[in-house]
Protein backbone atom coordinates (compact mmCIF):
# COMPACT_ATOMS: atom_id res chain seq x y z
CA MET A 1 0.37 0.13 -0.34
CA SER A 2 0.96 3.53 -0.80
CA SER A 3 2.60 5.02 2.59
CA GLU A 4 0.00 8.05 0.67
CA VAL A 5 -2.53 6.50 1.73
CA ALA A 6 -3.30 5.61 4.94
CA ILE A 7 -7.34 3.21 5.00
CA ARG A 8 -7.20 1.29 2.11
CA VAL A 9 -10.98 -0.11 2.17
CA THR A 10 -10.80 -3.25 -1.18
CA ASN A 11 -14.11 -4.38 -1.65
CA ILE A 12 -15.49 -5.15 1.95
CA ALA A 13 -18.59 -7.83 1.93
CA LYS A 14 -20.37 -8.41 5.39
CA CYS A 15 -23.01 -11.29 5.33
CA TYR A 16 -24.54 -11.76 8.96
CA GLN A 17 -26.94 -14.95 9.45
CA ILE A 18 -30.57 -14.59 10.18
CA TYR A 19 -32.60 -17.53 12.45
CA GLU A 20 -36.38 -16.62 13.35
CA THR A 21 -35.99 -19.10 15.94
CA PRO A 22 -33.38 -20.23 18.19
CA ARG A 23 -34.38 -23.89 17.49
CA ASP A 24 -33.01 -23.02 13.57
CA ARG A 25 -30.07 -21.90 15.16
CA LEU A 26 -29.67 -25.27 16.61
CA LYS A 27 -30.62 -27.20 13.88
CA GLN A 28 -27.97 -25.53 11.63
CA PHE A 29 -26.19 -26.38 14.22
CA VAL A 30 -26.93 -30.04 14.61
CA MET A 31 -27.99 -31.41 10.77
CA PRO A 32 -25.40 -30.83 8.27
CA GLY A 33 -22.97 -33.10 10.81
CA LEU A 34 -25.88 -35.00 10.71
CA LYS A 35 -26.75 -35.52 7.26
CA ARG A 36 -22.96 -36.73 6.19
CA MET A 37 -22.30 -39.30 8.84
CA LEU A 38 -25.29 -40.59 7.40
CA ARG A 39 -25.42 -39.86 3.88
CA PRO A 40 -24.28 -43.69 2.25
CA MET A 41 -20.73 -44.22 1.25
CA SER A 42 -21.36 -44.93 -1.82
CA GLN A 43 -22.71 -40.96 -1.90
CA VAL A 44 -19.86 -40.05 0.43
CA PHE A 45 -16.88 -41.51 -2.73
CA VAL A 46 -18.81 -41.36 -5.79
CA GLY A 47 -22.44 -40.11 -5.41
CA PRO A 48 -24.23 -36.60 -5.90
CA GLN A 49 -24.09 -34.39 -4.23
CA THR A 50 -27.56 -33.45 -1.62
CA PRO A 51 -28.18 -30.15 -1.87
CA LYS A 52 -27.53 -28.23 0.98
CA VAL A 53 -30.34 -27.50 3.62
CA SER A 54 -30.14 -23.81 5.50
CA TYR A 55 -32.24 -23.04 9.04
CA TYR A 56 -31.07 -19.13 8.36
CA LYS A 57 -31.81 -16.11 5.83
CA GLU A 58 -29.12 -13.86 4.61
CA PHE A 59 -28.09 -10.33 5.18
CA TRP A 60 -25.15 -8.46 3.47
CA ALA A 61 -25.17 -5.33 6.11
CA LEU A 62 -21.86 -4.89 3.67
CA ASN A 63 -21.53 -5.53 0.18
CA ASP A 64 -18.94 -4.91 -1.80
CA VAL A 65 -17.73 -1.44 -0.75
CA SER A 66 -14.40 0.31 -1.83
CA PHE A 67 -12.31 3.35 -1.42
CA GLU A 68 -9.67 4.55 -0.21
CA VAL A 69 -8.72 7.91 2.45
CA ARG A 70 -5.03 9.77 1.83
CA ARG A 71 -3.10 10.68 4.56
CA GLY A 72 -4.15 14.42 6.38
CA GLU A 73 -7.85 13.46 4.68
CA THR A 74 -10.56 13.79 7.08
CA VAL A 75 -13.20 12.03 5.32
CA GLY A 76 -17.46 11.84 6.22
CA ILE A 77 -19.30 8.12 6.23
CA ILE A 78 -23.15 10.03 5.72
CA GLY A 79 -25.94 6.72 5.13
CA ARG A 80 -29.27 6.27 7.26
CA ASN A 81 -29.58 4.05 9.62
CA GLY A 82 -29.13 0.07 9.53
CA SER A 83 -27.04 1.51 6.11
CA GLY A 84 -23.64 -0.29 7.47
CA LYS A 85 -21.47 2.34 8.94
CA SER A 86 -21.10 0.90 11.72
CA THR A 87 -20.29 -2.69 10.62
CA LEU A 88 -18.09 -0.54 8.12
CA LEU A 89 -16.16 0.98 10.89
CA GLN A 90 -16.14 -1.58 12.92
CA ILE A 91 -14.27 -3.95 10.68
CA ILE A 92 -11.44 -0.78 9.21
CA CYS A 93 -10.85 -0.85 13.17
CA GLY A 94 -10.01 -4.24 13.24
CA THR A 95 -13.16 -5.66 15.80
CA LEU A 96 -15.21 -7.18 13.17
CA THR A 97 -14.53 -9.53 10.45
CA PRO A 98 -15.17 -9.13 7.06
CA THR A 99 -16.98 -12.36 5.13
CA ASP A 100 -15.39 -10.42 1.97
CA GLY A 101 -12.27 -8.01 1.08
CA CYS A 102 -9.22 -6.96 3.09
CA VAL A 103 -8.71 -3.35 5.07
CA GLN A 104 -5.97 -1.67 5.04
CA THR A 105 -4.39 1.04 7.93
CA LEU A 106 -1.10 2.49 7.80
CA GLY A 107 -0.18 3.62 11.50
CA ARG A 108 -2.51 3.28 14.47
CA VAL A 109 -5.61 3.86 14.98
CA ALA A 110 -8.14 5.07 17.51
CA ALA A 111 -11.87 4.23 17.50
CA LEU A 112 -14.53 5.93 18.88
CA LEU A 113 -17.46 3.95 18.43
CA GLU A 114 -20.78 3.40 20.25
CA LEU A 115 -22.15 4.09 23.38
CA GLY A 116 -19.43 2.30 25.82
CA SER A 117 -18.05 0.04 23.63
CA GLY A 118 -14.30 -0.95 24.80
CA PHE A 119 -14.99 -0.12 28.56
CA ASN A 120 -16.06 -2.65 31.06
CA PRO A 121 -18.36 -1.31 32.96
CA GLU A 122 -17.70 -3.27 36.49
CA PHE A 123 -14.59 -1.79 36.11
CA THR A 124 -13.85 2.04 38.12
CA GLY A 125 -13.11 4.44 34.90
CA ARG A 126 -9.46 5.01 35.74
CA GLU A 127 -8.50 1.14 34.98
CA ASN A 128 -10.51 1.56 31.66
CA VAL A 129 -8.07 4.52 30.69
CA TYR A 130 -5.65 1.98 31.22
CA MET A 131 -7.36 -0.85 29.43
CA ASN A 132 -8.32 1.43 26.69
CA ALA A 133 -4.73 2.59 25.99
CA THR A 134 -3.09 -0.99 25.74
CA VAL A 135 -4.67 -2.03 23.59
CA LEU A 136 -4.87 1.16 21.38
CA GLY A 137 -0.91 0.08 21.92
CA LEU A 138 0.94 1.99 24.47
CA LYS A 139 2.75 0.58 27.94
CA ARG A 140 1.65 1.22 31.18
CA GLU A 141 4.79 4.16 31.85
CA GLU A 142 3.27 5.86 28.46
CA THR A 143 -0.56 5.73 29.84
CA GLU A 144 0.52 6.89 33.74
CA ALA A 145 3.55 9.60 32.10
CA ARG A 146 -0.02 11.03 30.58
CA PHE A 147 -3.30 9.95 32.32
CA ASP A 148 -3.38 13.25 34.04
CA ASP A 149 -3.88 15.14 30.96
CA ILE A 150 -6.11 12.45 30.08
CA LEU A 151 -8.11 13.23 33.20
CA ALA A 152 -8.31 17.23 32.33
CA PHE A 153 -9.69 16.74 29.32
CA ALA A 154 -12.46 14.07 30.45
CA ASP A 155 -13.39 16.81 33.28
CA ILE A 156 -15.54 14.10 35.05
CA GLY A 157 -13.62 14.98 38.39
CA ASP A 158 -13.67 12.10 41.83
CA PHE A 159 -16.24 9.69 39.32
CA ILE A 160 -12.95 8.23 37.69
CA ASP A 161 -12.29 6.33 40.58
CA GLN A 162 -15.87 4.91 40.18
CA PRO A 163 -17.28 1.52 38.53
CA VAL A 164 -18.28 3.08 34.41
CA LYS A 165 -21.77 1.09 35.20
CA VAL A 166 -22.89 4.05 37.27
CA TYR A 167 -21.73 7.23 34.25
CA SER A 168 -23.86 8.98 32.66
CA SER A 169 -23.87 8.40 28.73
CA GLY A 170 -21.94 11.95 28.83
CA MET A 171 -19.31 11.01 31.38
CA MET A 172 -18.51 8.01 29.87
CA VAL A 173 -17.91 9.73 26.02
CA ARG A 174 -15.81 11.94 27.85
CA LEU A 175 -13.34 9.34 29.23
CA ALA A 176 -13.88 7.79 25.58
CA PHE A 177 -13.04 10.97 23.93
CA ALA A 178 -10.24 11.95 26.72
CA VAL A 179 -8.51 8.57 25.82
CA ILE A 180 -8.34 8.75 22.44
CA ALA A 181 -6.84 11.63 22.53
CA HIS A 182 -3.59 11.21 23.46
CA VAL A 183 -2.79 7.46 22.29
CA ASP A 184 -0.58 9.88 19.27
CA ALA A 185 -2.99 7.72 16.78
CA ASP A 186 -2.34 8.01 13.15
CA ILE A 187 -5.84 7.77 12.12
CA LEU A 188 -9.54 8.71 14.45
CA VAL A 189 -12.41 6.22 13.65
CA ILE A 190 -15.67 8.50 15.24
CA ASP A 191 -18.90 6.99 15.16
CA GLU A 192 -21.80 9.53 16.10
CA ALA A 193 -21.09 8.83 19.91
CA LEU A 194 -20.46 12.53 19.97
CA ALA A 195 -23.91 13.39 19.78
CA VAL A 196 -24.93 12.55 23.14
CA GLY A 197 -21.90 15.13 24.34
CA ASP A 198 -22.78 19.18 26.09
CA VAL A 199 -22.39 21.84 24.14
CA PHE A 200 -18.83 22.70 25.89
CA PHE A 201 -17.13 19.23 25.30
CA THR A 202 -18.76 19.22 22.32
CA HIS A 203 -16.66 22.15 21.14
CA LYS A 204 -13.40 21.16 23.13
CA CYS A 205 -13.54 17.95 20.69
CA MET A 206 -14.17 19.72 17.64
CA ARG A 207 -10.82 22.17 18.95
CA PHE A 208 -8.71 19.24 19.10
CA LEU A 209 -10.29 17.97 16.10
CA ARG A 210 -9.31 20.18 14.14
CA ASN A 211 -5.84 20.44 15.22
CA PHE A 212 -5.40 16.16 14.38
CA MET A 213 -6.77 17.03 10.81
CA LYS A 214 -3.09 19.33 9.91
CA THR A 215 -1.46 16.29 10.80
CA GLY A 216 -3.53 13.23 11.40
CA THR A 217 -6.33 11.35 9.05
CA ILE A 218 -9.77 11.05 10.76
CA LEU A 219 -12.98 8.79 9.81
CA PHE A 220 -15.28 10.94 11.10
CA VAL A 221 -19.39 9.22 11.14
CA SER A 222 -22.25 11.55 10.80
CA HIS A 223 -26.20 12.89 10.37
CA ASP A 224 -25.55 15.93 10.75
CA THR A 225 -24.07 17.20 7.63
CA ALA A 226 -23.33 19.98 8.81
CA SER A 227 -20.89 19.00 10.76
CA VAL A 228 -19.98 16.52 7.56
CA ARG A 229 -19.48 19.92 5.73
CA ASN A 230 -17.60 20.98 8.00
CA LEU A 231 -14.93 19.26 8.88
CA CYS A 232 -14.45 17.01 6.10
CA THR A 233 -12.70 17.44 2.21
CA ARG A 234 -14.42 13.88 0.52
CA ALA A 235 -17.80 12.83 2.06
CA VAL A 236 -18.46 8.57 1.13
CA TRP A 237 -22.45 8.40 1.18
CA LEU A 238 -23.91 4.18 2.19
CA GLU A 239 -26.86 3.19 1.50
CA LYS A 240 -28.01 -0.69 2.18
CA GLY A 241 -25.02 -1.27 2.58
CA HIS A 242 -23.12 0.27 -1.29
CA VAL A 243 -21.22 3.27 -1.56
CA LEU A 244 -24.08 5.45 -3.27
CA GLN A 245 -21.74 7.77 -4.08
CA GLN A 246 -18.48 9.04 -2.63
CA GLY A 247 -17.18 13.20 -3.58
CA THR A 248 -16.94 16.55 -2.87
CA ALA A 249 -18.18 17.13 1.51
CA LYS A 250 -20.45 19.37 -0.39
CA ASP A 251 -21.74 17.67 -3.34
CA VAL A 252 -22.54 14.47 -1.48
CA CYS A 253 -24.11 16.14 1.31
CA GLU A 254 -26.20 17.74 -1.78
CA ASN A 255 -27.54 14.92 -3.21
CA TYR A 256 -27.84 13.21 0.94
CA LEU A 257 -29.83 16.35 0.87
CA GLU A 258 -32.21 15.35 -2.03
CA ALA A 259 -32.72 11.34 -0.68
CA PHE A 260 -34.46 13.01 2.09
CA TYR A 261 -37.44 15.02 0.72
CA GLU A 262 -37.56 11.92 -1.75
CA ALA A 263 -38.26 9.19 1.15
CA GLN A 264 -40.53 11.35 3.16
CA GLN A 265 -42.50 12.70 -0.79
CA GLY A 266 -42.37 10.61 -3.94
CA LYS A 267 -39.65 10.16 -6.14
CA SER A 268 -39.06 14.30 -7.32
CA THR A 269 -40.33 14.37 -10.93
CA THR A 270 -38.34 16.77 -11.34
CA THR A 271 -34.63 16.90 -11.10
CA ARG A 272 -33.26 19.49 -13.83
CA ILE A 273 -35.83 22.29 -14.36
CA LYS A 274 -34.20 23.94 -18.55
CA ILE A 275 -36.09 27.15 -18.31
CA GLU A 276 -35.39 30.33 -21.02
CA ARG A 277 -32.99 32.23 -19.20
CA PRO A 278 -33.30 35.59 -18.43
CA ALA A 279 -32.18 39.20 -19.20
CA PHE A 280 -30.37 40.62 -16.36
CA SER A 281 -29.68 44.77 -17.58
CA THR A 282 -28.02 46.20 -14.75
CA LEU A 283 -28.90 50.14 -14.37
CA GLU A 284 -27.45 53.16 -13.04
CA VAL A 285 -26.79 52.69 -9.21
CA LYS A 286 -28.84 55.67 -7.70
CA ASP A 287 -27.53 58.60 -5.72
CA GLN A 288 -28.41 57.36 -2.73
CA ARG A 289 -26.74 53.96 -2.95
CA GLN A 290 -23.85 55.88 -3.95
CA ASP A 291 -23.33 58.16 -1.14
CA PHE A 292 -24.32 54.41 1.45
CA LEU A 293 -20.67 53.77 -0.85
CA ASN A 294 -18.85 56.82 -0.34
CA ALA A 295 -19.58 56.00 3.76
CA SER A 296 -18.83 52.79 4.31
CA ASN A 297 -14.83 53.17 5.65
CA LEU A 298 -15.02 49.61 6.36
CA ARG A 299 -15.18 48.54 2.53
CA ASN A 300 -16.48 44.37 1.85
CA ASP A 301 -16.87 44.41 -1.97
CA ILE A 302 -19.08 41.50 -3.50
CA GLN A 303 -19.43 40.49 -7.05
CA LEU A 304 -22.92 39.64 -7.86
CA PHE A 305 -23.08 36.66 -11.19
CA ASP A 306 -26.31 36.09 -13.18
CA PHE A 307 -28.91 33.49 -11.70
CA ASP A 308 -27.94 29.89 -13.23
CA PRO A 309 -31.39 28.27 -14.43
CA GLU A 310 -29.51 25.01 -15.32
CA ALA A 311 -27.69 24.39 -11.95
CA PRO A 312 -28.44 21.48 -9.53
CA SER A 313 -32.42 20.66 -8.72
CA PHE A 314 -34.84 18.44 -7.40
CA GLY A 315 -38.53 19.15 -6.98
CA LYS A 316 -42.13 17.43 -7.07
CA GLY A 317 -43.25 20.40 -9.69
CA ALA A 318 -45.74 22.47 -8.78
CA ALA A 319 -44.38 25.24 -9.36
CA GLN A 320 -40.95 26.52 -10.93
CA ILE A 321 -38.02 28.72 -9.49
CA THR A 322 -37.87 31.29 -12.83
CA ALA A 323 -35.46 34.18 -12.04
CA VAL A 324 -33.10 34.79 -8.62
CA LYS A 325 -31.71 38.67 -8.79
CA PHE A 326 -31.01 41.05 -5.96
CA LEU A 327 -31.94 44.65 -6.08
CA ASP A 328 -32.09 48.05 -4.44
CA GLN A 329 -33.28 49.71 -2.10
CA GLY A 330 -35.52 51.27 -5.21
CA GLY A 331 -35.76 47.71 -7.24
CA ALA A 332 -33.33 48.32 -9.74
CA PRO A 333 -30.84 44.87 -10.13
CA LEU A 334 -27.43 45.10 -8.56
CA ALA A 335 -24.18 44.02 -10.01
CA TRP A 336 -22.33 44.36 -6.77
CA ILE A 337 -22.99 45.24 -3.26
CA VAL A 338 -20.88 45.96 -0.24
CA GLY A 339 -21.37 44.70 2.54
CA GLY A 340 -23.47 46.02 5.54
CA GLU A 341 -25.49 47.94 2.84
CA ASN A 342 -29.96 47.34 2.42
CA VAL A 343 -30.53 45.24 -1.07
CA VAL A 344 -33.63 42.93 -0.87
CA LEU A 345 -33.49 39.05 -2.65
CA ARG A 346 -35.96 38.18 -5.59
CA VAL A 347 -37.37 35.13 -5.93
CA GLU A 348 -39.95 34.58 -8.59
CA ALA A 349 -42.12 31.53 -9.76
CA VAL A 350 -45.05 30.09 -11.87
CA ALA A 351 -47.32 27.34 -10.21
CA HIS A 352 -48.61 24.63 -12.31
CA GLN A 353 -50.66 23.74 -10.05
CA PRO A 354 -52.93 25.50 -8.00
CA LEU A 355 -50.89 25.35 -4.97
CA GLU A 356 -52.91 26.40 -1.22
CA SER A 357 -49.99 27.67 0.85
CA PRO A 358 -46.43 28.09 -0.73
CA ILE A 359 -43.57 28.79 0.92
CA ILE A 360 -40.33 30.45 -0.23
CA GLY A 361 -37.41 30.31 1.35
CA PHE A 362 -33.40 30.83 0.61
CA TYR A 363 -30.14 30.08 2.60
CA VAL A 364 -26.76 31.58 2.04
CA LYS A 365 -23.48 29.29 1.73
CA ASP A 366 -20.45 29.82 2.00
CA LYS A 367 -17.80 28.00 -0.68
CA LEU A 368 -18.29 24.53 1.60
CA GLY A 369 -21.67 24.33 1.36
CA GLN A 370 -22.14 25.56 5.85
CA CYS A 371 -25.31 27.14 5.87
CA LEU A 372 -24.91 31.01 7.36
CA PHE A 373 -28.14 32.29 6.87
CA GLY A 374 -31.77 32.26 5.61
CA ASP A 375 -35.25 32.56 6.00
CA ASN A 376 -38.68 32.06 4.43
CA THR A 377 -42.07 33.13 3.44
CA TRP A 378 -43.25 30.80 6.39
CA LEU A 379 -43.69 32.31 9.50
CA SER A 380 -44.94 36.28 8.39
CA TYR A 381 -48.55 34.36 5.84
CA HIS A 382 -48.46 30.85 8.03
CA ASP A 383 -51.76 32.63 9.29
CA ALA A 384 -53.38 33.51 6.07
CA PRO A 385 -51.52 31.81 3.72
CA VAL A 386 -50.86 33.35 0.09
CA PHE A 387 -53.37 30.80 -2.49
CA CYS A 388 -50.93 30.26 -5.51
CA PRO A 389 -53.67 29.70 -8.98
CA GLU A 390 -52.77 27.33 -11.57
CA ASN A 391 -50.98 29.61 -13.87
CA LYS A 392 -50.21 32.27 -11.50
CA PHE A 393 -46.51 33.71 -11.26
CA ILE A 394 -45.67 33.88 -7.46
CA THR A 395 -42.45 36.76 -5.85
CA ALA A 396 -41.53 37.04 -2.48
CA GLU A 397 -39.23 40.04 -1.11
CA PHE A 398 -36.61 39.75 1.97
CA ALA A 399 -35.08 42.78 1.98
CA PHE A 400 -32.42 42.44 4.88
CA GLN A 401 -28.64 44.59 5.21
CA VAL A 402 -25.35 42.19 3.85
CA PRO A 403 -22.82 41.20 6.68
CA ARG A 404 -20.02 41.07 6.02
CA LEU A 405 -17.93 38.43 4.63
CA GLN A 406 -14.70 36.71 4.55
CA ALA A 407 -13.03 37.39 1.24
CA GLY A 408 -14.51 33.62 -1.46
CA GLN A 409 -16.68 32.12 -2.99
CA TYR A 410 -20.63 32.60 -1.89
CA SER A 411 -23.96 31.37 -3.55
CA ILE A 412 -28.08 30.96 -2.87
CA THR A 413 -29.78 27.87 -2.37
CA VAL A 414 -33.56 28.97 -2.79
CA ALA A 415 -36.58 26.83 -2.61
CA ILE A 416 -39.83 26.46 -3.23
CA ALA A 417 -42.76 24.19 -1.97
CA ASN A 418 -46.07 24.00 -0.55
CA GLY A 419 -47.62 22.97 2.97
CA THR A 420 -46.43 24.09 6.96
CA GLN A 421 -43.03 24.79 8.02
CA ASP A 422 -43.54 20.85 9.42
CA GLU A 423 -45.55 18.87 6.62
CA HIS A 424 -44.56 20.46 3.09
CA ILE A 425 -43.16 19.15 -0.03
CA GLN A 426 -40.85 20.55 -2.14
CA HIS A 427 -41.58 21.73 -5.22
CA HIS A 428 -38.51 23.41 -6.59
CA TRP A 429 -34.67 22.85 -4.78
CA ILE A 430 -32.08 24.76 -6.71
CA HIS A 431 -28.21 24.75 -5.30
CA ASP A 432 -26.48 27.15 -5.91
CA ALA A 433 -29.01 29.35 -7.90
CA ILE A 434 -26.89 32.60 -7.70
CA TYR A 435 -23.21 33.13 -6.78
CA PHE A 436 -21.36 36.08 -5.64
CA LYS A 437 -17.68 36.80 -5.10
CA SER A 438 -16.49 38.63 -1.69
CA GLU A 439 -13.23 41.15 -1.77
CA SER A 440 -11.45 43.27 -0.37
CA SER A 441 -13.37 41.94 3.07
CA SER A 442 -12.14 43.54 6.46
CA VAL A 443 -13.95 40.72 8.11
CA THR A 444 -10.67 40.06 10.95
CA GLY A 445 -12.23 36.69 12.76
CA GLY A 446 -16.24 34.43 12.10
CA LEU A 447 -17.61 32.99 9.04
CA ILE A 448 -19.23 36.36 8.72
CA GLY A 449 -19.03 40.22 10.55
CA ILE A 450 -22.00 42.30 11.69
CA PRO A 451 -22.27 46.02 10.63
CA MET A 452 -20.90 48.23 13.26
CA SER A 453 -22.51 51.68 13.97
CA THR A 454 -19.85 52.93 15.91
CA VAL A 455 -16.62 51.21 17.91
CA GLU A 456 -15.37 52.52 20.45
CA LEU A 457 -11.81 52.70 22.18
CA GLN A 458 -11.55 54.82 26.10
CA VAL A 459 -8.43 54.83 27.98
CA ASP A 460 -10.12 56.60 31.33
CA GLY A 461 -8.96 57.19 35.30
CA THR A 462 -5.39 56.14 36.82
CA ALA A 463 -4.65 52.69 37.50
């Protein structure tokens, strides 16, 4: 295996034998051997083979799964419950043997799998630390030298000397993560156990992971696609034991979102809606807008691009988004804006079928696909829905002050649905309908900057 590859999974398959009753399990254990013993000698040497009888059904948790993770990469594994994610991680970690295929790893592997795995509930936390560290390859002297750091990271106090069976789920995760964070692993394999931790510990874990990502390799499993987009460079989507897709975290998570809606409302009828590209004319900037730009001493220039009707989309097709554009407060289209400016985002659509309660919304996302902010029309009109007849146009306008953005590329995802906030049918969802580019930004930290009215710094009195 190449030194540039940290994990190589080749044609992995895992089959489980499913028995309907305990009696069938006993039959499967006894009957094949008994039939061989009672078979006539003529059949043993020259006779025809008797059909093999099985008292179980085969369930393939994984089937022909292959992918590679290069050194220094952070790769996410996503998929619905029962897709084979946990089985795959156990095989990679060596706690489960595959039915077929092979896994190769380069370096020390530390894993945080399902809650409590690797812990003896009768042992104290201290004893489990030493046991786990030994399993992960540390000598006792090395564990003793790091024990204080492990205890400080876990932050469970005197419970370290109590049996693990009295721990809460959060305390168990704290101790397990603290161990794998101090064993000098080359590869971290993390299941969704972090979901049970409190917000303070989760932030501590994320800080550790971001620091580990500078030199190490991470395989990260989560249902939270926002975390996958935030942490991972690539993602692998498992579905019913097969690799459905692998690619950039942004692309895989967007397709996973589409599959989620299809599972809720049936197969989409429009995976890509083609419409005539609207003309986009840039009018002269009005005097009052120019006054605002001249007064902006902290500039954040943002270049806008045209609405892309060919962008990836999905939906049932009873409505169709036809245009997305930025306008100034006077209604004139904009080709560029600056952070802190008041703008209007207009989303135009046409109804191909009557819509009893249409909802139009948008998300602003960064280049990783992380949602920065967004809104929709539900809260404003849920008490008095606006009925839209068939073949009528419907327009939503969102007026807001543009936050200051870090330099980079951004996009706007738009959608039109029918129903309520909790139960609705997506009729047209367009990923990255508009791209825009932020340049010469004054943002020094965080994802976005808030336009400040005043910033004051005073020195007063003598200490």
